[in-house]
Protein backbone atom coordinates (compact mmCIF):
# COMPACT_ATOMS: atom_id res chain seq x y z
CA MET A 1 123.53 125.64 161.60
CA ASN A 2 127.35 125.58 161.50
CA ARG A 3 127.22 124.17 157.97
CA ILE A 4 124.87 126.93 156.86
CA LEU A 5 127.12 129.59 158.37
CA LEU A 6 130.15 128.02 156.73
CA ALA A 7 128.40 127.97 153.33
CA LEU A 8 127.42 131.62 153.73
CA ALA A 9 130.95 132.55 154.73
CA LEU A 10 132.37 130.76 151.71
CA ALA A 11 129.86 132.46 149.40
CA VAL A 12 130.74 135.90 150.81
CA ALA A 13 134.44 135.14 150.47
CA ALA A 14 133.98 134.01 146.86
CA LEU A 15 132.01 137.16 146.04
CA ALA A 16 134.70 139.34 147.61
CA CYS A 17 137.35 137.46 145.62
CA ASP A 18 135.39 137.98 142.38
CA ARG A 19 135.08 141.70 143.08
CA ALA A 20 138.78 141.98 143.82
CA ARG A 21 139.67 140.19 140.58
CA ALA A 22 137.27 142.39 138.61
CA GLN A 23 138.76 145.58 140.08
CA ASP A 24 142.21 144.42 138.94
CA TYR A 25 140.98 143.23 135.53
CA PRO A 26 142.65 143.22 133.07
CA ASN A 27 146.28 143.31 134.12
CA ARG A 28 147.80 141.13 131.38
CA PRO A 29 147.16 140.29 127.71
CA ILE A 30 143.81 138.79 126.70
CA ARG A 31 143.63 135.94 124.20
CA LEU A 32 140.80 136.30 121.67
CA MET A 33 140.14 132.84 120.24
CA VAL A 34 138.94 132.61 116.63
CA PRO A 35 137.80 129.04 115.87
CA PHE A 36 138.36 129.34 112.12
CA ALA A 37 141.36 129.67 109.81
CA PRO A 38 142.84 133.13 109.11
CA GLY A 39 141.57 135.11 106.17
CA GLY A 40 137.81 134.88 106.67
CA GLY A 41 135.08 137.11 108.04
CA VAL A 42 135.54 136.10 111.70
CA ASP A 43 139.27 136.79 111.47
CA ALA A 44 138.62 140.22 109.93
CA THR A 45 136.10 141.08 112.65
CA ALA A 46 138.47 139.87 115.38
CA ARG A 47 141.27 142.12 114.16
CA ILE A 48 138.97 145.14 113.97
CA LEU A 49 137.84 144.54 117.56
CA ALA A 50 141.28 143.64 118.91
CA ALA A 51 142.81 146.94 117.84
CA LYS A 52 140.05 148.97 119.50
CA LEU A 53 139.90 146.83 122.66
CA THR A 54 143.64 147.21 123.14
CA GLU A 55 143.07 150.96 123.32
CA SER A 56 140.21 150.82 125.83
CA LEU A 57 141.44 147.97 128.09
CA LYS A 58 145.10 149.08 128.02
CA GLN A 59 146.22 145.49 127.44
CA PRO A 60 147.21 143.63 124.26
CA ILE A 61 144.44 141.57 122.66
CA VAL A 62 146.08 138.57 120.99
CA VAL A 63 144.09 136.90 118.20
CA ASP A 64 144.57 133.13 118.39
CA HIS A 65 143.25 130.82 115.64
CA ARG A 66 142.07 127.29 116.51
CA PRO A 67 140.25 126.00 113.38
CA GLY A 68 138.47 122.70 113.01
CA ALA A 69 135.16 120.84 113.41
CA GLY A 70 132.98 123.73 112.27
CA GLY A 71 134.34 126.06 114.95
CA THR A 72 133.86 123.70 117.89
CA LEU A 73 137.55 123.01 118.59
CA GLY A 74 138.25 126.63 119.45
CA ALA A 75 134.99 126.94 121.38
CA ASP A 76 135.88 123.85 123.42
CA ALA A 77 139.29 125.33 124.25
CA VAL A 78 137.62 128.46 125.63
CA ALA A 79 134.98 126.44 127.51
CA LYS A 80 137.81 124.60 129.30
CA ALA A 81 139.96 127.70 129.91
CA PRO A 82 140.26 129.28 133.38
CA PRO A 83 137.20 131.49 134.02
CA ASP A 84 139.23 134.64 134.58
CA GLY A 85 138.45 136.73 131.49
CA TYR A 86 141.85 136.25 129.86
CA THR A 87 140.65 133.73 127.25
CA ILE A 88 137.55 134.73 125.29
CA LEU A 89 135.90 133.51 122.10
CA LEU A 90 134.70 135.32 119.00
CA THR A 91 132.50 133.05 116.93
CA VAL A 92 129.38 132.91 114.80
CA SER A 93 125.85 131.60 115.08
CA GLY A 94 126.92 128.13 113.95
CA LEU A 95 127.93 127.57 117.58
CA ALA A 96 124.23 127.26 118.40
CA ALA A 97 123.88 124.45 115.86
CA ALA A 98 126.64 122.31 117.39
CA PRO A 99 124.40 120.37 119.85
CA ALA A 100 122.23 119.19 116.96
CA LEU A 101 125.21 118.23 114.77
CA TYR A 102 127.57 116.31 117.04
CA LYS A 103 126.79 113.12 118.93
CA SER A 104 129.46 113.69 121.56
CA LEU A 105 130.08 117.43 121.71
CA PRO A 106 132.68 117.96 124.47
CA PHE A 107 130.99 121.13 125.75
CA ASP A 108 127.54 122.68 126.03
CA PRO A 109 127.30 126.10 124.31
CA VAL A 110 124.75 127.30 126.86
CA LYS A 111 126.09 125.75 130.09
CA ASP A 112 129.86 125.89 129.47
CA LEU A 113 130.15 129.31 127.81
CA ALA A 114 129.03 132.67 129.17
CA ALA A 115 127.54 135.04 126.61
CA VAL A 116 129.25 138.45 126.74
CA THR A 117 127.77 140.38 123.82
CA GLN A 118 126.46 140.06 120.30
CA VAL A 119 128.99 141.95 118.22
CA ALA A 120 126.94 142.28 115.05
CA ALA A 121 124.05 140.95 113.03
CA SER A 122 125.75 139.73 109.87
CA THR A 123 124.66 139.22 106.30
CA LEU A 124 125.64 136.13 104.34
CA LEU A 125 125.97 136.37 100.56
CA LEU A 126 125.24 133.64 98.05
CA VAL A 127 128.16 133.85 95.61
CA VAL A 128 129.25 131.88 92.57
CA THR A 129 132.44 131.72 90.57
CA PRO A 130 132.15 133.92 87.44
CA LYS A 131 132.77 130.80 85.33
CA LEU A 132 129.31 129.52 86.31
CA PRO A 133 126.66 130.60 83.77
CA ALA A 134 124.20 131.99 86.31
CA THR A 135 123.65 135.68 87.00
CA THR A 136 120.62 135.39 89.29
CA THR A 137 119.46 133.03 92.03
CA GLN A 138 116.68 131.77 89.79
CA GLU A 139 119.18 130.95 87.02
CA LEU A 140 121.38 129.11 89.51
CA ILE A 141 118.45 127.01 90.71
CA ALA A 142 117.43 126.22 87.14
CA LEU A 143 121.01 125.20 86.27
CA ALA A 144 121.28 122.95 89.35
CA ARG A 145 117.98 121.26 88.49
CA THR A 146 119.25 120.36 85.02
CA LYS A 147 122.46 118.88 86.48
CA PRO A 148 121.52 117.18 89.77
CA GLY A 149 124.58 116.20 91.80
CA SER A 150 127.06 117.71 89.33
CA LEU A 151 127.48 121.16 90.95
CA ASN A 152 129.24 121.70 94.27
CA TYR A 153 129.47 124.26 97.04
CA GLY A 154 132.09 125.12 99.62
CA SER A 155 131.70 125.80 103.31
CA SER A 156 133.88 126.63 106.29
CA GLY A 157 133.16 123.22 107.83
CA VAL A 158 130.36 120.85 108.75
CA GLY A 159 127.88 122.64 110.99
CA ALA A 160 129.17 126.15 110.32
CA PRO A 161 126.55 128.72 109.25
CA LEU A 162 127.85 128.62 105.68
CA HIS A 163 127.06 124.90 105.57
CA LEU A 164 123.70 125.02 107.35
CA ASN A 165 122.34 127.90 105.30
CA MET A 166 123.29 126.21 102.04
CA GLU A 167 121.46 123.08 103.21
CA ILE A 168 118.38 125.21 103.86
CA PHE A 169 118.81 126.74 100.40
CA LYS A 170 119.06 123.26 98.82
CA HIS A 171 115.95 122.06 100.63
CA SER A 172 113.88 125.13 99.79
CA ALA A 173 114.98 125.23 96.13
CA GLY A 174 114.68 121.48 95.64
CA ILE A 175 118.17 121.04 94.21
CA ASP A 176 121.00 118.53 94.69
CA ILE A 177 124.51 120.02 95.00
CA VAL A 178 127.57 118.44 96.60
CA HIS A 179 129.10 119.76 99.85
CA VAL A 180 132.87 120.41 99.93
CA PRO A 181 133.91 121.42 103.48
CA PHE A 182 137.07 123.43 104.29
CA ARG A 183 138.82 124.35 107.55
CA GLY A 184 137.47 127.90 107.57
CA ASP A 185 136.11 130.41 105.09
CA GLY A 186 139.60 131.63 104.14
CA PRO A 187 140.55 128.37 102.36
CA MET A 188 137.00 128.14 100.98
CA ILE A 189 137.29 131.59 99.42
CA ALA A 190 140.61 130.67 97.80
CA ALA A 191 138.98 127.57 96.30
CA LEU A 192 136.07 129.65 95.01
CA ILE A 193 138.32 132.21 93.35
CA ALA A 194 140.34 129.38 91.78
CA GLY A 195 137.14 127.75 90.52
CA ASP A 196 137.70 124.55 92.51
CA VAL A 197 134.23 124.97 94.01
CA GLN A 198 131.38 126.71 92.24
CA MET A 199 129.28 128.43 94.86
CA ALA A 200 129.00 129.18 98.58
CA PHE A 201 127.52 131.39 101.22
CA MET A 202 130.10 133.73 102.70
CA PRO A 203 130.18 136.60 105.19
CA ALA A 204 129.51 140.01 103.71
CA ALA A 205 132.78 141.22 105.26
CA THR A 206 134.76 139.19 102.75
CA GLY A 207 132.13 138.77 100.04
CA VAL A 208 131.45 142.44 99.31
CA PRO A 209 134.99 143.36 98.16
CA LEU A 210 135.27 140.15 96.13
CA ALA A 211 131.95 140.87 94.41
CA ASP A 212 132.90 144.50 93.81
CA SER A 213 136.19 143.41 92.19
CA GLY A 214 134.48 140.86 89.95
CA ARG A 215 136.39 137.89 91.35
CA LEU A 216 133.09 136.42 92.54
CA ARG A 217 129.48 137.08 91.57
CA ALA A 218 126.93 137.85 94.32
CA LEU A 219 123.46 136.50 93.50
CA GLY A 220 121.53 137.01 96.72
CA LEU A 221 121.77 137.54 100.45
CA ILE A 222 120.26 136.21 103.66
CA GLY A 223 118.23 138.59 105.76
CA PRO A 224 115.05 140.63 105.88
CA LYS A 225 116.32 143.47 103.67
CA ARG A 226 118.98 144.35 101.12
CA ALA A 227 122.42 145.41 102.32
CA ALA A 228 123.46 149.05 101.90
CA ALA A 229 126.83 147.83 100.64
CA LEU A 230 125.15 145.84 97.81
CA PRO A 231 121.88 147.63 97.02
CA ASN A 232 121.44 145.81 93.70
CA VAL A 233 121.71 142.32 95.20
CA PRO A 234 118.23 141.01 96.16
CA THR A 235 117.46 139.03 99.27
CA LEU A 236 116.85 135.33 98.78
CA THR A 237 113.30 135.91 99.99
CA GLU A 238 112.82 138.23 97.00
CA ALA A 239 114.11 135.41 94.81
CA GLY A 240 111.43 133.08 96.19
CA VAL A 241 113.64 131.03 98.52
CA LYS A 242 112.05 130.42 101.93
CA GLY A 243 113.70 129.83 105.32
CA LEU A 244 116.56 132.31 104.94
CA GLU A 245 114.98 135.44 106.38
CA SER A 246 117.08 135.60 109.58
CA SER A 247 120.53 137.15 109.69
CA SER A 248 123.52 135.44 111.29
CA TRP A 249 125.58 136.86 114.15
CA TYR A 250 129.07 137.38 115.51
CA GLY A 251 129.36 137.12 119.28
CA VAL A 252 131.85 137.03 122.14
CA PHE A 253 131.83 134.41 124.89
CA ALA A 254 133.87 133.69 128.02
CA PRO A 255 134.19 130.45 129.98
CA ALA A 256 131.24 129.69 132.21
CA ARG A 257 131.74 130.72 135.84
CA THR A 258 133.66 133.83 134.78
CA PRO A 259 132.71 136.38 137.48
CA ARG A 260 129.87 138.63 136.36
CA PRO A 261 131.85 141.82 137.11
CA ILE A 262 134.49 140.67 134.60
CA ILE A 263 131.79 139.79 132.06
CA ASP A 264 130.33 143.28 132.52
CA THR A 265 133.75 144.91 132.10
CA LEU A 266 134.27 143.01 128.84
CA GLN A 267 130.78 143.85 127.60
CA ARG A 268 131.21 147.57 128.25
CA ALA A 269 134.60 147.65 126.52
CA LEU A 270 133.27 145.66 123.56
CA ALA A 271 130.15 147.84 123.21
CA GLN A 272 132.34 150.95 123.26
CA ALA A 273 134.56 149.44 120.55
CA ILE A 274 131.65 148.21 118.43
CA HIS A 275 129.93 151.61 118.44
CA ALA A 276 133.07 153.66 117.84
CA PRO A 277 132.29 155.55 114.61
CA GLU A 278 135.18 154.06 112.66
CA VAL A 279 134.34 150.49 113.73
CA ALA A 280 130.56 150.78 113.31
CA GLY A 281 131.07 152.41 109.94
CA ARG A 282 133.35 149.61 108.81
CA PHE A 283 130.82 146.99 109.92
CA ARG A 284 128.02 148.70 108.01
CA THR A 285 130.17 149.09 104.90
CA GLN A 286 130.66 145.34 104.81
CA GLY A 287 126.95 144.65 105.34
CA ASP A 288 126.89 143.99 109.11
CA GLU A 289 124.88 145.83 111.75
CA PRO A 290 126.75 146.62 115.00
CA ILE A 291 124.91 145.50 118.16
CA GLY A 292 126.93 145.40 121.42
CA GLY A 293 123.96 144.42 123.61
CA THR A 294 123.89 143.06 127.15
CA PRO A 295 125.00 139.57 128.20
CA ASP A 296 121.42 138.64 129.07
CA GLU A 297 120.12 139.74 125.66
CA PHE A 298 122.79 137.73 123.87
CA SER A 299 122.27 134.70 126.08
CA ALA A 300 118.57 134.69 125.18
CA LEU A 301 119.42 134.86 121.47
CA VAL A 302 121.84 131.93 121.75
CA LYS A 303 119.28 129.76 123.54
CA ALA A 304 116.64 130.58 120.93
CA ASP A 305 119.07 129.74 118.12
CA VAL A 306 119.98 126.38 119.69
CA ALA A 307 116.29 125.44 119.35
CA ARG A 308 116.00 126.99 115.87
CA PHE A 309 119.04 125.17 114.48
CA ALA A 310 117.85 121.88 115.95
CA ARG A 311 114.74 122.25 113.78
CA ILE A 312 116.83 123.23 110.73
CA VAL A 313 119.20 120.26 111.09
CA ALA A 314 116.25 117.88 111.41
CA LEU A 315 114.50 119.43 108.42
CA ALA A 316 117.62 119.26 106.22
CA GLY A 317 118.32 115.69 107.29
CA ILE A 318 121.94 116.45 108.19
CA PRO A 319 123.41 113.37 109.92
CA ARG A 320 125.01 113.85 113.32
CA GLN A 321 128.79 113.58 113.27
């Protein structure tokens, strides 16, 4: 009986401590970890959110880049950070693929990270360098079939959505193109513009302005419908490519065991920022749909995507690292 009473007392004390911390939260700067190199779509989204969150939370939001291993290095750093709400992660749906891609992943995306909110449903564009003689997805597939193994594509790292979706594209189209991984989509984009790699998937946030300027050519996009920002670019489903009907996502996570009141405070502030007219409008202009849903909704999406990406990795025959 004494042990039961002691356990109850400790639980009540812990709950009271969590509430006290939440009432005082935040009282110092918050570090927003971006697990990719500067200059890409995640970086752009982080800076949009950081500026608005600084206004609503009355504390500086410091964007911190930790690129490497398809986004898992930065995610691992957040998973191992103190669960106090002062180190959070902005990443993409490739996080859900990590368990299927790495033999000894140092963290579990579901058990070691707490879902805060889905920031946006994002569109990925299939782009090529203008030097490549293909103006449609069908022309690109035909070209790749005549030159098996001679064309290449860039990605932001093994296991990142840009890599996985291109592997699905390869499998569905029946083509053989060589993977060239980079440490983030920023370096990948530079290589594309320079013509060092010939094609890639990239976030609409960075792909739309590059396509509009003519520095890259957009052939198709992932998702169930065309993007308002690129109404003349067909979906890959329209082009006859199967398996790329689902959009990607940006999402925010905190370390597991972060008190729920702090998670809720973060979610409310993020939802307010995401749906601010200037932020939501900017997301939609770049082809993303603002979400800002509840932690439970986002957690369910992550778990479903862990299972979905496990099937995709097996189907594509991607070896575990």
